[in-house]
Every structure is written in structure tokens, then in C-alpha cells.
Amino acid sequence: MSAFTLAGLQLSLSASEDNFALIEQHVLATKRRYPNVQLILLPELANFGPAPRHAAAFPNATDEAYQNLAREAGVWLCNGSMFERDGDQIYNTASVYDPAGNVVCRYRKMFPFLPYEEGISAGTEPRTFTIPGVGEFGLSICYDMWFPETIRALAWQGAEVILHPTLTNTIDRDTELAIARSSAATNQCYMIDINSAAPLGNGKSIVAGPGGEVIHQAADNLEAIVVDLDLDYLRRVREQGWHSLGQPLKSFRDHPLSFPQYQGQRSPALDQMGPLAKPKANTKT
């Protein structure tokens, strides 16, 4: 199977209430309007917004509601993410449900947005899952994308499509669009970067192809982004290069260097930058 139809929902959500009823409405409406949609991706922290007070251990009632929603819609469903409590730790965790409502993957965000996303623990395991007859999908959340090793780790595990829910309302959104495109190009994968619309986010969701090409870029308003992914095309790009150009995954695979700077060593140069902390007030006049 080559073509796979995916919908990213750039939704207008609230930070002060449970958004599940609204999300359910949009998921079911998308499936009614586009019966061929096979997977639906929500923005980061879509259900409750950036509110760790809602953190709960899995499974829980909200998690079960998403299982039921995936089953009712008959789609693969990624809930964006929710805060997960595990003992004394809180993680920003994305869950994926299959069309039968089973939980097939959970991924804990590896790079919380420090020093601002305080009190959130870092996940340590890149996660992928297989859609039978289609291909391998990887999960990445928001700030993870700023660390190219995270997407490369997913490609190393075979990921062909990266589901990347995000929640951004800041001036660096255009920079993130560039990172999404470069991540797609350097890893020869599809990057599905879905942000919230206002008031939580500033939109500009993007779908980039394995050459870094823009398949679709949204504006800042509510939008259902429905795209057909061509996995045969992606595999040809990985085998022959985009438009017969570079083959970066093969070059990375075959290079003799093992990048020793990543093997448990600290960088004296980076240590000179000081601690990871919020910027101090400027007291100069």
C-alpha cells in the first residue's frame, strides 16, 4: 500500500476547560467529510492545554474516552499529548490508538521546553509504531524537534512518517517551520507538524515531504489539514535521493565515524555557557 491519508487538526482550543467534547466533534466531522482518512493527529496538550494540574496516571477516564473515539471514528488517532503522572514525576506524553481503540504507543516528550516548562520530567526513549501494510511512524513533541538527534533516532528505528504535535504561540514559529522542513530533508521522511490555532497557539501547521518540500502550510485559523502520503515515493527518495540528489541516510549509515562527542562526554565549550535558567532582568539603564 502506497497512499495513506492523514488529517492534522489545527484546532481552536481553551486552556481553562476540558476540550474533549470539542475535539470529539471535530474528529467525527473530519471522518464524515473525508471517509478515506486513516489517521488523525491533534496538537500538543490539546485536551487540557498546558496545565500540569490535570496530570494523571495511565490508563484514566480521558485516555479511555480517546480509545472509544478512535473506535467510533474507525481511525488511528494520536491525542497530541497529555500530562501523565508517574509517581512523583510528570511527563508530557503522546498516545496513539488504533481503529479498534487499542493503545499501540505512548511517547514521553524527551525535551521539555526548559527553563519555562518547569516541573516536567524528560522522557528517555524514542518511540515508533507500525501501521500494518503501510509503514513505520515515529512520535516527536514540540521542542523535541529542536534537537536533531531526536528525529535521527526515529529514522534510525525505521520511521518514515514523524507525527509531531506542537503548541507554539511565540515569535519563533517561523523558525520551527524551517526546522520541520530541514528535519524532513535530512531524514528523508514526512514531517507532520500540527499546532493549535488561537487562543492557545499561532497555527502555521506544516506538512513537509522527504525532500524538505512543503506539501501544505496552514495559516493561523482553524483548519483540518488532509493530505495523502505516498510511501512508495518516500522509499524511492531514500533509495535514489530526492530528484536523484543526496542520499543522507545511507551516508550517515555508512560513515566510519561514531560521533564520540555523544558517547557520555560533556563539552567544555558548552559548559562555559552557564546553567539552564530563565533570562535575568536587565538592570542596565
Protein backbone atom coordinates (compact mmCIF):
# COMPACT_ATOMS: atom_id res chain seq x y z
CA MET A 1 0.00 0.00 0.00
CA SER A 2 1.47 3.35 -1.03
CA ALA A 3 -1.04 6.18 -0.40
CA PHE A 4 -2.02 6.85 3.19
CA THR A 5 -4.50 9.61 4.06
CA LEU A 6 -3.83 11.61 7.21
CA ALA A 7 -5.58 14.57 8.81
CA GLY A 8 -3.95 17.05 11.16
CA LEU A 9 -6.45 19.15 13.09
CA GLN A 10 -5.30 22.71 13.79
CA LEU A 11 -7.96 23.39 16.41
CA SER A 12 -9.00 26.45 18.40
CA LEU A 13 -8.91 25.19 21.98
CA SER A 14 -9.33 26.50 25.51
CA ALA A 15 -6.69 26.49 28.25
CA SER A 16 -9.26 26.64 31.03
CA GLU A 17 -11.52 23.64 30.40
CA ASP A 18 -11.71 20.07 29.19
CA ASN A 19 -11.68 20.24 25.39
CA PHE A 20 -12.67 16.63 24.74
CA ALA A 21 -16.25 17.34 23.57
CA LEU A 22 -14.96 19.86 21.00
CA ILE A 23 -12.19 17.51 19.88
CA GLU A 24 -14.65 14.65 19.53
CA GLN A 25 -16.89 16.84 17.38
CA HIS A 26 -14.02 17.74 15.03
CA VAL A 27 -12.65 14.20 14.79
CA LEU A 28 -16.02 12.74 13.87
CA ALA A 29 -16.81 15.62 11.49
CA THR A 30 -13.47 15.11 9.74
CA LYS A 31 -14.14 11.41 9.31
CA ARG A 32 -17.65 12.10 7.97
CA ARG A 33 -16.38 14.67 5.48
CA TYR A 34 -13.32 12.64 4.46
CA PRO A 35 -14.26 8.95 4.82
CA ASN A 36 -10.87 7.94 3.42
CA VAL A 37 -8.94 9.48 6.34
CA GLN A 38 -6.97 6.76 8.12
CA LEU A 39 -5.14 8.68 10.85
CA ILE A 40 -5.98 11.88 12.74
CA LEU A 41 -3.37 13.90 14.65
CA LEU A 42 -4.20 16.51 17.31
CA PRO A 43 -1.99 19.35 18.62
CA GLU A 44 0.17 19.02 21.72
CA LEU A 45 -1.72 19.15 25.04
CA ALA A 46 -4.98 19.50 23.12
CA ASN A 47 -7.31 18.16 25.77
CA PHE A 48 -6.48 20.33 28.80
CA GLY A 49 -3.94 22.84 27.48
CA PRO A 50 -0.59 23.43 29.24
CA ALA A 51 -1.96 22.65 32.71
CA PRO A 52 0.03 20.05 34.71
CA ARG A 53 -2.68 20.07 37.39
CA HIS A 54 -4.59 17.69 35.11
CA ALA A 55 -1.75 15.13 35.13
CA ALA A 56 -2.98 11.60 35.78
CA ALA A 57 -1.60 8.09 35.59
CA PHE A 58 -2.50 5.94 32.59
CA PRO A 59 -4.95 4.44 31.99
CA ASN A 60 -7.56 7.00 33.06
CA ALA A 61 -11.03 8.19 32.06
CA THR A 62 -9.78 10.69 29.45
CA ASP A 63 -7.47 8.11 27.95
CA GLU A 64 -10.38 5.67 27.70
CA ALA A 65 -12.52 8.37 26.05
CA TYR A 66 -9.88 8.67 23.31
CA GLN A 67 -9.84 4.90 22.90
CA ASN A 68 -13.60 4.99 22.38
CA LEU A 69 -13.30 7.93 19.97
CA ALA A 70 -10.74 6.10 17.83
CA ARG A 71 -13.05 3.08 17.76
CA GLU A 72 -16.12 5.15 16.88
CA ALA A 73 -14.35 7.05 14.11
CA GLY A 74 -12.56 3.94 12.88
CA VAL A 75 -9.20 5.72 12.60
CA TRP A 76 -5.71 5.67 14.00
CA LEU A 77 -5.74 8.56 16.46
CA CYS A 78 -2.92 10.48 18.16
CA ASN A 79 -4.24 12.60 21.02
CA GLY A 80 -1.43 15.17 20.66
CA SER A 81 -0.33 14.70 24.24
CA MET A 82 -1.49 14.91 27.84
CA PHE A 83 0.35 15.31 31.11
CA GLU A 84 0.99 11.91 32.68
CA ARG A 85 1.71 11.36 36.37
CA ASP A 86 4.05 8.52 37.24
CA GLY A 87 4.82 8.55 40.95
CA ASP A 88 6.45 11.90 41.72
CA GLN A 89 7.17 12.58 38.04
CA ILE A 90 5.04 14.35 35.43
CA TYR A 91 5.64 13.68 31.74
CA ASN A 92 4.23 15.23 28.57
CA THR A 93 3.02 12.05 26.88
CA ALA A 94 1.54 11.37 23.45
CA SER A 95 -0.68 8.32 22.96
CA VAL A 96 -1.66 6.56 19.75
CA TYR A 97 -4.80 4.41 19.43
CA ASP A 98 -5.63 2.03 16.61
CA PRO A 99 -9.07 1.87 14.92
CA ALA A 100 -10.14 -0.80 17.39
CA GLY A 101 -9.38 1.54 20.30
CA ASN A 102 -6.23 -0.21 21.49
CA VAL A 103 -3.30 1.81 22.84
CA VAL A 104 -0.43 0.99 20.46
CA CYS A 105 2.18 3.52 21.54
CA ARG A 106 2.96 6.03 24.27
CA TYR A 107 5.81 8.50 23.97
CA ARG A 108 7.16 10.83 26.66
CA LYS A 109 8.50 14.15 25.38
CA MET A 110 12.27 13.99 25.64
CA PHE A 111 12.96 17.73 25.76
CA PRO A 112 10.54 19.78 27.90
CA PHE A 113 10.73 23.46 26.98
CA LEU A 114 13.20 24.39 29.70
CA PRO A 115 13.66 26.64 31.52
CA TYR A 116 9.97 27.54 31.02
CA GLU A 117 8.19 24.17 31.12
CA GLU A 118 9.03 23.73 34.78
CA GLY A 119 8.30 20.59 36.77
CA ILE A 120 8.04 18.32 33.71
CA SER A 121 10.38 15.33 33.53
CA ALA A 122 12.20 14.31 30.37
CA GLY A 123 11.41 11.08 28.59
CA THR A 124 14.35 8.95 27.53
CA GLU A 125 13.06 6.59 24.85
CA PRO A 126 12.38 7.40 21.16
CA ARG A 127 9.22 5.58 20.15
CA THR A 128 7.87 4.31 16.85
CA PHE A 129 4.90 2.14 15.91
CA THR A 130 3.93 0.15 12.86
CA ILE A 131 0.74 0.54 10.85
CA PRO A 132 0.44 -2.86 9.16
CA GLY A 133 0.66 -2.71 5.41
CA VAL A 134 1.63 0.99 5.50
CA GLY A 135 4.89 1.68 7.30
CA GLU A 136 6.68 2.89 10.41
CA PHE A 137 5.58 6.04 12.25
CA GLY A 138 7.57 7.98 14.86
CA LEU A 139 6.45 10.35 17.60
CA SER A 140 8.02 13.69 18.49
CA ILE A 141 6.56 16.54 20.55
CA CYS A 142 7.15 20.28 20.05
CA TYR A 143 10.59 21.26 21.43
CA ASP A 144 11.99 17.80 20.67
CA MET A 145 12.36 18.89 17.06
CA TRP A 146 14.98 21.50 18.01
CA PHE A 147 17.34 18.62 18.80
CA PRO A 148 18.14 16.88 15.50
CA GLU A 149 19.31 13.75 17.28
CA THR A 150 15.71 13.01 18.29
CA ILE A 151 14.38 12.82 14.73
CA ARG A 152 17.50 10.95 13.57
CA ALA A 153 16.90 8.39 16.34
CA LEU A 154 13.40 7.78 14.96
CA ALA A 155 14.71 7.44 11.40
CA TRP A 156 17.36 5.04 12.74
CA GLN A 157 14.50 2.88 14.05
CA GLY A 158 12.88 2.96 10.60
CA ALA A 159 10.36 5.80 10.98
CA GLU A 160 9.11 7.08 7.63
CA VAL A 161 6.47 9.47 8.97
CA ILE A 162 7.01 11.67 12.04
CA LEU A 163 3.88 12.75 13.91
CA HIS A 164 4.86 15.99 15.60
CA PRO A 165 2.15 17.66 17.69
CA THR A 166 3.18 21.09 18.94
CA LEU A 167 1.88 24.01 20.98
CA THR A 168 3.56 27.26 19.98
CA ASN A 169 2.32 30.83 20.26
CA THR A 170 5.66 32.62 20.19
CA ILE A 171 7.82 34.58 17.74
CA ASP A 172 9.91 31.52 16.85
CA ARG A 173 7.11 29.73 14.97
CA ASP A 174 8.66 30.61 11.60
CA THR A 175 11.94 29.11 12.81
CA GLU A 176 10.07 25.92 13.66
CA LEU A 177 8.76 25.74 10.11
CA ALA A 178 12.34 25.81 8.87
CA ILE A 179 13.32 23.10 11.36
CA ALA A 180 10.40 20.92 10.27
CA ARG A 181 11.47 21.18 6.64
CA SER A 182 15.13 20.53 7.41
CA SER A 183 14.22 17.56 9.62
CA ALA A 184 12.22 16.09 6.76
CA ALA A 185 15.05 16.63 4.27
CA THR A 186 17.93 15.37 6.42
CA ASN A 187 16.00 12.27 7.49
CA GLN A 188 14.14 11.74 4.20
CA CYS A 189 10.81 11.43 5.99
CA TYR A 190 7.39 13.06 6.16
CA MET A 191 7.14 15.63 8.99
CA ILE A 192 3.57 16.27 10.15
CA ASP A 193 3.85 19.31 12.41
CA ILE A 194 0.43 20.27 13.83
CA ASN A 195 -0.01 23.33 16.04
CA SER A 196 -3.08 24.78 17.75
CA ALA A 197 -4.84 27.84 16.39
CA ALA A 198 -5.59 30.79 18.70
CA PRO A 199 -6.02 31.24 21.58
CA LEU A 200 -3.55 28.50 22.61
CA GLY A 201 -1.28 28.59 19.56
CA ASN A 202 -0.50 30.66 16.49
CA GLY A 203 -1.16 27.94 13.91
CA LYS A 204 1.05 27.71 10.82
CA SER A 205 0.99 23.92 10.88
CA ILE A 206 3.15 22.35 8.19
CA VAL A 207 3.42 19.06 6.33
CA ALA A 208 6.84 18.57 4.73
CA GLY A 209 7.94 15.80 2.37
CA PRO A 210 11.16 13.75 2.29
CA GLY A 211 12.98 16.36 0.22
CA GLY A 212 12.01 19.15 2.62
CA GLU A 213 9.32 20.28 0.19
CA VAL A 214 6.22 21.97 1.60
CA ILE A 215 3.15 19.84 0.94
CA HIS A 216 0.91 22.20 2.89
CA GLN A 217 1.37 25.11 5.25
CA ALA A 218 -1.64 26.40 7.15
CA ALA A 219 -2.50 29.95 8.12
CA ASP A 220 -3.34 30.78 11.75
CA ASN A 221 -7.03 29.83 11.72
CA LEU A 222 -8.85 26.58 12.49
CA GLU A 223 -8.20 24.04 9.73
CA ALA A 224 -8.47 20.33 9.00
CA ILE A 225 -5.32 19.52 7.05
CA VAL A 226 -5.97 16.41 4.96
CA VAL A 227 -3.05 15.06 2.93
CA ASP A 228 -2.19 11.88 1.05
CA LEU A 229 1.22 10.48 1.94
CA ASP A 230 2.95 8.42 -0.74
CA LEU A 231 5.15 5.84 0.99
CA ASP A 232 6.43 4.38 -2.28
CA TYR A 233 7.65 7.86 -3.24
CA LEU A 234 9.38 8.23 0.14
CA ARG A 235 11.15 4.88 -0.21
CA ARG A 236 12.31 5.83 -3.69
CA VAL A 237 13.70 9.10 -2.29
CA ARG A 238 15.59 7.15 0.37
CA GLU A 239 16.95 4.74 -2.21
CA GLN A 240 17.81 7.16 -5.02
CA GLY A 241 17.85 10.62 -3.44
CA TRP A 242 15.34 13.45 -3.79
CA HIS A 243 15.29 14.22 -7.53
CA SER A 244 18.31 11.89 -7.80
CA LEU A 245 20.37 14.06 -5.42
CA GLY A 246 21.75 13.30 -1.93
CA GLN A 247 21.16 10.09 0.00
CA PRO A 248 21.83 11.36 3.56
CA LEU A 249 20.50 8.35 5.47
CA LYS A 250 22.78 5.97 3.57
CA SER A 251 25.74 8.32 4.02
CA PHE A 252 25.08 8.52 7.77
CA ARG A 253 24.68 4.74 7.98
CA ASP A 254 27.91 4.03 6.13
CA HIS A 255 30.19 6.68 7.67
CA PRO A 256 33.10 5.30 9.73
CA LEU A 257 32.80 7.95 12.46
CA SER A 258 30.72 7.04 15.52
CA PHE A 259 30.49 10.67 16.76
CA PRO A 260 32.32 10.18 20.07
CA GLN A 261 31.13 13.57 21.38
CA TYR A 262 27.78 11.90 22.06
CA GLN A 263 29.20 8.91 23.96
CA GLY A 264 28.64 10.09 27.52
CA GLN A 265 31.07 13.01 27.34
CA ARG A 266 30.43 16.60 28.37
CA SER A 267 31.53 19.53 26.23
CA PRO A 268 33.89 22.02 27.95
CA ALA A 269 32.82 24.59 25.36
CA LEU A 270 29.12 24.17 26.10
CA ASP A 271 29.74 24.07 29.87
CA GLN A 272 31.03 27.65 29.62
CA MET A 273 27.51 28.88 28.82
CA GLY A 274 26.39 28.59 32.42
CA PRO A 275 23.29 26.91 33.91
CA LEU A 276 19.97 26.34 32.14
CA ALA A 277 17.86 29.12 33.67
CA LYS A 278 15.41 31.85 32.73
CA PRO A 279 17.00 35.10 31.49
CA LYS A 280 17.65 37.61 34.25
CA ALA A 281 16.09 41.06 34.28
CA ASN A 282 18.17 43.70 32.53
CA THR A 283 19.17 46.17 35.25
CA LYS A 284 21.19 48.44 32.97
CA THR A 285 19.78 51.91 32.27
